[in-house]
């Protein structure tokens, strides 16, 4: 599966933004062959709820600054997992224990991982 240049660009912006806020172990999984609603899942961990929110805010701000679209955002009150749907890619920011428990990388293990 080939990503568009704009998707690749916004995805890199999102990765850098997450890393700027100390996001842990970002992984991009190419899911477009398996699901019709997006091309890539970007998964990144955080060590606290406050950091989950900071990463989510920074990713949104930086993608918008780069000319991307505003995401649809879903999260719980405890801020253990924030999902940001940018259309061509979806960003999951999870507390480390949430990421380990839900193991999205394992659920999508049959999909290729994009080199970041």
N, C-alpha and C. Protein backbone atom coordinates (compact mmCIF):
# COMPACT_ATOMS: atom_id res chain seq x y z
N UNK A 1 0.84 -1.19 0.00
CA UNK A 1 0.00 0.00 0.00
C UNK A 1 0.88 1.25 0.00
N UNK A 2 0.56 2.16 -0.88
CA UNK A 2 1.34 3.38 -1.01
C UNK A 2 0.58 4.55 -0.37
N UNK A 3 1.26 5.28 0.51
CA UNK A 3 0.65 6.46 1.15
C UNK A 3 0.85 7.68 0.26
N UNK A 4 -0.11 8.59 0.32
CA UNK A 4 0.05 9.85 -0.41
C UNK A 4 1.15 10.67 0.25
N UNK A 5 1.72 11.58 -0.52
CA UNK A 5 2.77 12.45 0.03
C UNK A 5 2.25 13.28 1.20
N UNK A 6 1.00 13.77 1.09
CA UNK A 6 0.46 14.59 2.17
C UNK A 6 0.24 13.76 3.44
N UNK A 7 -0.25 12.53 3.29
CA UNK A 7 -0.42 11.67 4.47
C UNK A 7 0.92 11.41 5.12
N UNK A 8 1.92 11.11 4.32
CA UNK A 8 3.27 10.87 4.84
C UNK A 8 3.79 12.10 5.58
N UNK A 9 3.58 13.28 4.98
CA UNK A 9 4.04 14.53 5.58
C UNK A 9 3.36 14.78 6.93
N UNK A 10 2.03 14.67 6.97
CA UNK A 10 1.31 14.94 8.22
C UNK A 10 1.63 13.90 9.28
N UNK A 11 1.86 12.68 8.85
CA UNK A 11 2.22 11.62 9.78
C UNK A 11 3.57 11.94 10.42
N UNK A 12 4.54 12.39 9.63
CA UNK A 12 5.84 12.78 10.18
C UNK A 12 5.71 13.96 11.14
N UNK A 13 4.85 14.91 10.80
CA UNK A 13 4.59 16.05 11.70
C UNK A 13 4.03 15.53 13.02
N UNK A 14 3.10 14.60 12.96
CA UNK A 14 2.50 14.03 14.17
C UNK A 14 3.53 13.30 15.01
N UNK A 15 4.40 12.54 14.37
CA UNK A 15 5.44 11.81 15.10
C UNK A 15 6.37 12.79 15.81
N UNK A 16 6.83 13.80 15.10
CA UNK A 16 7.73 14.80 15.71
C UNK A 16 7.04 15.51 16.87
N UNK A 17 5.77 15.86 16.69
CA UNK A 17 5.03 16.55 17.76
C UNK A 17 4.93 15.67 18.99
N UNK A 18 4.63 14.39 18.80
CA UNK A 18 4.54 13.45 19.93
C UNK A 18 5.89 13.33 20.62
N UNK A 19 6.96 13.22 19.85
CA UNK A 19 8.29 13.11 20.44
C UNK A 19 8.70 14.38 21.16
N UNK A 20 8.26 15.54 20.64
CA UNK A 20 8.57 16.82 21.30
C UNK A 20 7.95 16.89 22.70
N UNK A 21 6.87 16.15 22.91
CA UNK A 21 6.20 16.12 24.22
C UNK A 21 6.53 14.82 24.96
N UNK A 22 7.67 14.23 24.61
CA UNK A 22 8.20 13.02 25.27
C UNK A 22 7.32 11.79 25.08
N UNK A 23 6.66 11.71 23.93
CA UNK A 23 5.93 10.50 23.59
C UNK A 23 6.88 9.32 23.51
N UNK A 24 6.41 8.17 23.93
CA UNK A 24 7.26 6.98 24.05
C UNK A 24 6.94 5.99 22.93
N UNK A 25 7.99 5.51 22.26
CA UNK A 25 7.92 4.41 21.31
C UNK A 25 6.81 4.57 20.25
N UNK A 26 6.89 5.61 19.41
CA UNK A 26 5.88 5.73 18.35
C UNK A 26 6.03 4.62 17.32
N UNK A 27 4.90 4.05 16.92
CA UNK A 27 4.86 2.99 15.91
C UNK A 27 3.73 3.32 14.94
N UNK A 28 4.04 3.25 13.65
CA UNK A 28 3.03 3.49 12.61
C UNK A 28 2.74 2.17 11.89
N UNK A 29 1.48 1.76 11.90
CA UNK A 29 1.06 0.50 11.30
C UNK A 29 0.20 0.80 10.08
N UNK A 30 0.55 0.21 8.95
CA UNK A 30 -0.21 0.40 7.71
C UNK A 30 -1.42 -0.54 7.73
N UNK A 31 -2.59 0.00 8.02
CA UNK A 31 -3.80 -0.81 8.17
C UNK A 31 -4.77 -0.67 6.99
N UNK A 32 -4.41 0.12 6.00
CA UNK A 32 -5.31 0.41 4.89
C UNK A 32 -5.76 -0.79 4.07
N UNK A 33 -4.95 -1.83 4.03
CA UNK A 33 -5.34 -3.04 3.30
C UNK A 33 -6.40 -3.84 4.06
N UNK A 34 -6.53 -3.59 5.37
CA UNK A 34 -7.42 -4.37 6.22
C UNK A 34 -8.68 -3.62 6.65
N UNK A 35 -8.66 -2.30 6.53
CA UNK A 35 -9.80 -1.52 6.99
C UNK A 35 -10.08 -0.38 6.01
N UNK A 36 -11.34 -0.07 5.77
CA UNK A 36 -11.67 0.98 4.80
C UNK A 36 -11.64 2.40 5.36
N UNK A 37 -11.50 2.55 6.67
CA UNK A 37 -11.68 3.89 7.24
C UNK A 37 -10.41 4.69 7.45
N UNK A 38 -9.23 4.10 7.33
CA UNK A 38 -7.99 4.85 7.47
C UNK A 38 -6.85 4.04 6.87
N UNK A 39 -5.71 4.70 6.66
CA UNK A 39 -4.54 4.04 6.08
C UNK A 39 -3.51 3.64 7.14
N UNK A 40 -3.39 4.46 8.19
CA UNK A 40 -2.31 4.26 9.16
C UNK A 40 -2.82 4.48 10.58
N UNK A 41 -2.36 3.62 11.49
CA UNK A 41 -2.51 3.87 12.93
C UNK A 41 -1.14 4.29 13.44
N UNK A 42 -1.07 5.45 14.06
CA UNK A 42 0.13 5.87 14.78
C UNK A 42 -0.17 5.67 16.26
N UNK A 43 0.64 4.85 16.91
CA UNK A 43 0.45 4.55 18.33
C UNK A 43 1.64 5.10 19.09
N UNK A 44 1.35 5.82 20.16
CA UNK A 44 2.42 6.39 20.99
C UNK A 44 1.99 6.30 22.45
N UNK A 45 2.95 6.07 23.32
CA UNK A 45 2.67 5.94 24.76
C UNK A 45 3.02 7.21 25.50
N UNK A 46 2.41 7.34 26.68
CA UNK A 46 2.69 8.44 27.60
C UNK A 46 2.74 7.86 29.01
N UNK A 47 3.43 8.56 29.90
CA UNK A 47 3.60 8.05 31.25
C UNK A 47 2.56 8.56 32.24
N UNK A 48 1.74 9.53 31.82
CA UNK A 48 0.69 10.05 32.71
C UNK A 48 -0.46 10.60 31.89
N UNK A 49 -1.61 10.76 32.53
CA UNK A 49 -2.76 11.34 31.86
C UNK A 49 -2.49 12.75 31.37
N UNK A 50 -1.77 13.49 32.16
CA UNK A 50 -1.41 14.87 31.77
C UNK A 50 -0.56 14.86 30.49
N UNK A 51 0.36 13.88 30.40
CA UNK A 51 1.20 13.77 29.22
C UNK A 51 0.39 13.29 28.02
N UNK A 52 -0.57 12.39 28.23
CA UNK A 52 -1.46 11.97 27.14
C UNK A 52 -2.11 13.20 26.53
N UNK A 53 -2.64 14.07 27.36
CA UNK A 53 -3.32 15.27 26.88
C UNK A 53 -2.34 16.22 26.19
N UNK A 54 -1.15 16.39 26.75
CA UNK A 54 -0.16 17.29 26.15
C UNK A 54 0.26 16.79 24.77
N UNK A 55 0.46 15.49 24.63
CA UNK A 55 0.83 14.93 23.33
C UNK A 55 -0.31 15.12 22.34
N UNK A 56 -1.53 14.82 22.74
CA UNK A 56 -2.69 14.97 21.85
C UNK A 56 -2.84 16.41 21.39
N UNK A 57 -2.69 17.35 22.30
CA UNK A 57 -2.81 18.77 21.95
C UNK A 57 -1.71 19.18 20.98
N UNK A 58 -0.48 18.75 21.24
CA UNK A 58 0.65 19.12 20.39
C UNK A 58 0.50 18.53 18.99
N UNK A 59 0.09 17.27 18.90
CA UNK A 59 -0.10 16.64 17.59
C UNK A 59 -1.17 17.40 16.81
N UNK A 60 -2.29 17.69 17.45
CA UNK A 60 -3.35 18.44 16.77
C UNK A 60 -2.86 19.79 16.29
N UNK A 61 -2.20 20.55 17.18
CA UNK A 61 -1.72 21.88 16.83
C UNK A 61 -0.74 21.84 15.66
N UNK A 62 0.21 20.92 15.70
CA UNK A 62 1.25 20.87 14.67
C UNK A 62 0.70 20.40 13.32
N UNK A 63 -0.21 19.45 13.33
CA UNK A 63 -0.81 19.01 12.07
C UNK A 63 -1.64 20.15 11.47
N UNK A 64 -2.38 20.87 12.30
CA UNK A 64 -3.15 22.03 11.79
C UNK A 64 -2.22 23.10 11.24
N UNK A 65 -1.12 23.39 11.95
CA UNK A 65 -0.16 24.39 11.48
C UNK A 65 0.44 24.00 10.13
N UNK A 66 0.60 22.69 9.91
CA UNK A 66 1.17 22.19 8.65
C UNK A 66 0.14 22.16 7.52
N UNK A 67 -1.10 22.54 7.81
CA UNK A 67 -2.13 22.58 6.78
C UNK A 67 -3.07 21.39 6.79
N UNK A 68 -2.93 20.51 7.78
CA UNK A 68 -3.80 19.34 7.88
C UNK A 68 -5.16 19.70 8.43
N UNK A 69 -6.01 18.70 8.47
CA UNK A 69 -7.37 18.92 8.95
C UNK A 69 -7.47 18.72 10.45
N UNK A 70 -8.51 19.30 11.03
CA UNK A 70 -8.79 19.13 12.46
C UNK A 70 -9.31 17.71 12.67
N UNK A 71 -8.77 17.01 13.66
CA UNK A 71 -9.20 15.62 13.87
C UNK A 71 -10.50 15.53 14.65
N UNK A 72 -11.16 14.40 14.47
CA UNK A 72 -12.22 14.01 15.41
C UNK A 72 -11.49 13.37 16.58
N UNK A 73 -11.87 13.76 17.78
CA UNK A 73 -11.15 13.30 18.97
C UNK A 73 -12.10 12.58 19.91
N UNK A 74 -11.63 11.44 20.41
CA UNK A 74 -12.38 10.69 21.42
C UNK A 74 -11.44 10.40 22.57
N UNK A 75 -11.95 10.57 23.79
CA UNK A 75 -11.16 10.25 24.98
C UNK A 75 -12.09 10.07 26.17
N UNK A 76 -11.57 9.40 27.17
CA UNK A 76 -12.31 9.26 28.41
C UNK A 76 -11.92 10.35 29.39
N UNK A 77 -12.65 10.46 30.46
CA UNK A 77 -12.37 11.49 31.45
C UNK A 77 -11.02 11.31 32.13
N UNK A 78 -10.58 10.05 32.27
CA UNK A 78 -9.33 9.78 32.97
C UNK A 78 -8.09 9.98 32.10
N UNK A 79 -8.29 10.28 30.81
CA UNK A 79 -7.20 10.55 29.87
C UNK A 79 -6.16 9.44 29.84
N UNK A 80 -6.63 8.21 29.75
CA UNK A 80 -5.70 7.09 29.62
C UNK A 80 -5.49 6.72 28.15
N UNK A 81 -6.38 7.22 27.27
CA UNK A 81 -6.27 6.92 25.84
C UNK A 81 -7.00 8.03 25.09
N UNK A 82 -6.32 8.68 24.18
CA UNK A 82 -6.94 9.67 23.30
C UNK A 82 -6.77 9.17 21.88
N UNK A 83 -7.87 9.14 21.13
CA UNK A 83 -7.86 8.75 19.73
C UNK A 83 -8.14 9.99 18.90
N UNK A 84 -7.27 10.26 17.93
CA UNK A 84 -7.44 11.42 17.05
C UNK A 84 -7.53 10.91 15.62
N UNK A 85 -8.67 11.13 14.98
CA UNK A 85 -8.91 10.66 13.62
C UNK A 85 -8.70 11.81 12.65
N UNK A 86 -7.59 11.74 11.91
CA UNK A 86 -7.26 12.76 10.91
C UNK A 86 -7.71 12.34 9.51
N UNK A 87 -8.45 11.26 9.41
CA UNK A 87 -8.92 10.77 8.11
C UNK A 87 -7.99 9.70 7.58
N UNK A 88 -6.92 10.10 6.91
CA UNK A 88 -5.97 9.13 6.34
C UNK A 88 -5.14 8.42 7.40
N UNK A 89 -5.05 9.02 8.58
CA UNK A 89 -4.34 8.36 9.68
C UNK A 89 -5.03 8.65 11.00
N UNK A 90 -4.87 7.71 11.92
CA UNK A 90 -5.47 7.81 13.25
C UNK A 90 -4.34 7.73 14.27
N UNK A 91 -4.33 8.64 15.21
CA UNK A 91 -3.31 8.65 16.26
C UNK A 91 -3.94 8.16 17.56
N UNK A 92 -3.29 7.16 18.15
CA UNK A 92 -3.68 6.64 19.46
C UNK A 92 -2.60 7.05 20.44
N UNK A 93 -2.96 7.87 21.43
CA UNK A 93 -2.03 8.21 22.51
C UNK A 93 -2.55 7.51 23.75
N UNK A 94 -1.74 6.60 24.29
CA UNK A 94 -2.19 5.76 25.39
C UNK A 94 -1.20 5.80 26.56
N UNK A 95 -1.75 5.68 27.76
CA UNK A 95 -0.88 5.42 28.90
C UNK A 95 -0.15 4.12 28.61
N UNK A 96 1.05 3.99 29.11
CA UNK A 96 1.85 2.80 28.85
C UNK A 96 1.11 1.52 29.22
N UNK A 97 0.42 1.52 30.36
CA UNK A 97 -0.30 0.31 30.78
C UNK A 97 -1.50 0.01 29.88
N UNK A 98 -2.15 1.04 29.34
CA UNK A 98 -3.25 0.85 28.39
C UNK A 98 -2.72 0.25 27.09
N UNK A 99 -1.59 0.77 26.65
CA UNK A 99 -1.00 0.26 25.41
C UNK A 99 -0.61 -1.21 25.57
N UNK A 100 -0.04 -1.54 26.69
CA UNK A 100 0.34 -2.93 26.94
C UNK A 100 -0.90 -3.82 27.02
N UNK A 101 -1.95 -3.37 27.70
CA UNK A 101 -3.16 -4.18 27.89
C UNK A 101 -3.90 -4.40 26.57
N UNK A 102 -4.13 -3.33 25.81
CA UNK A 102 -4.91 -3.45 24.58
C UNK A 102 -4.09 -3.96 23.39
N UNK A 103 -2.79 -3.79 23.43
CA UNK A 103 -1.84 -4.38 22.48
C UNK A 103 -2.28 -4.22 21.02
N UNK A 104 -2.50 -2.99 20.60
CA UNK A 104 -2.92 -2.74 19.22
C UNK A 104 -1.90 -3.28 18.21
N UNK A 105 -0.62 -3.19 18.55
CA UNK A 105 0.40 -3.73 17.65
C UNK A 105 0.21 -5.23 17.44
N UNK A 106 -0.19 -5.93 18.47
CA UNK A 106 -0.42 -7.37 18.34
C UNK A 106 -1.70 -7.64 17.55
N UNK A 107 -2.74 -6.84 17.78
CA UNK A 107 -3.99 -7.02 17.04
C UNK A 107 -3.80 -6.81 15.54
N UNK A 108 -2.91 -5.92 15.18
CA UNK A 108 -2.66 -5.58 13.78
C UNK A 108 -1.32 -6.15 13.31
N UNK A 109 -0.85 -7.22 13.93
CA UNK A 109 0.47 -7.78 13.65
C UNK A 109 0.62 -8.25 12.21
N UNK A 110 -0.48 -8.54 11.52
CA UNK A 110 -0.38 -8.99 10.13
C UNK A 110 -0.24 -7.83 9.15
N UNK A 111 -0.21 -6.61 9.67
CA UNK A 111 -0.05 -5.42 8.83
C UNK A 111 1.40 -4.93 8.91
N UNK A 112 1.90 -4.35 7.82
CA UNK A 112 3.28 -3.85 7.84
C UNK A 112 3.43 -2.62 8.73
N UNK A 113 4.62 -2.48 9.28
CA UNK A 113 4.98 -1.32 10.10
C UNK A 113 5.74 -0.35 9.21
N UNK A 114 5.37 0.92 9.29
CA UNK A 114 6.02 1.97 8.50
C UNK A 114 7.26 2.45 9.24
N UNK A 115 8.36 2.53 8.55
CA UNK A 115 9.60 3.05 9.15
C UNK A 115 9.41 4.54 9.43
N UNK A 116 9.69 4.94 10.66
CA UNK A 116 9.54 6.35 11.03
C UNK A 116 10.87 7.08 11.03
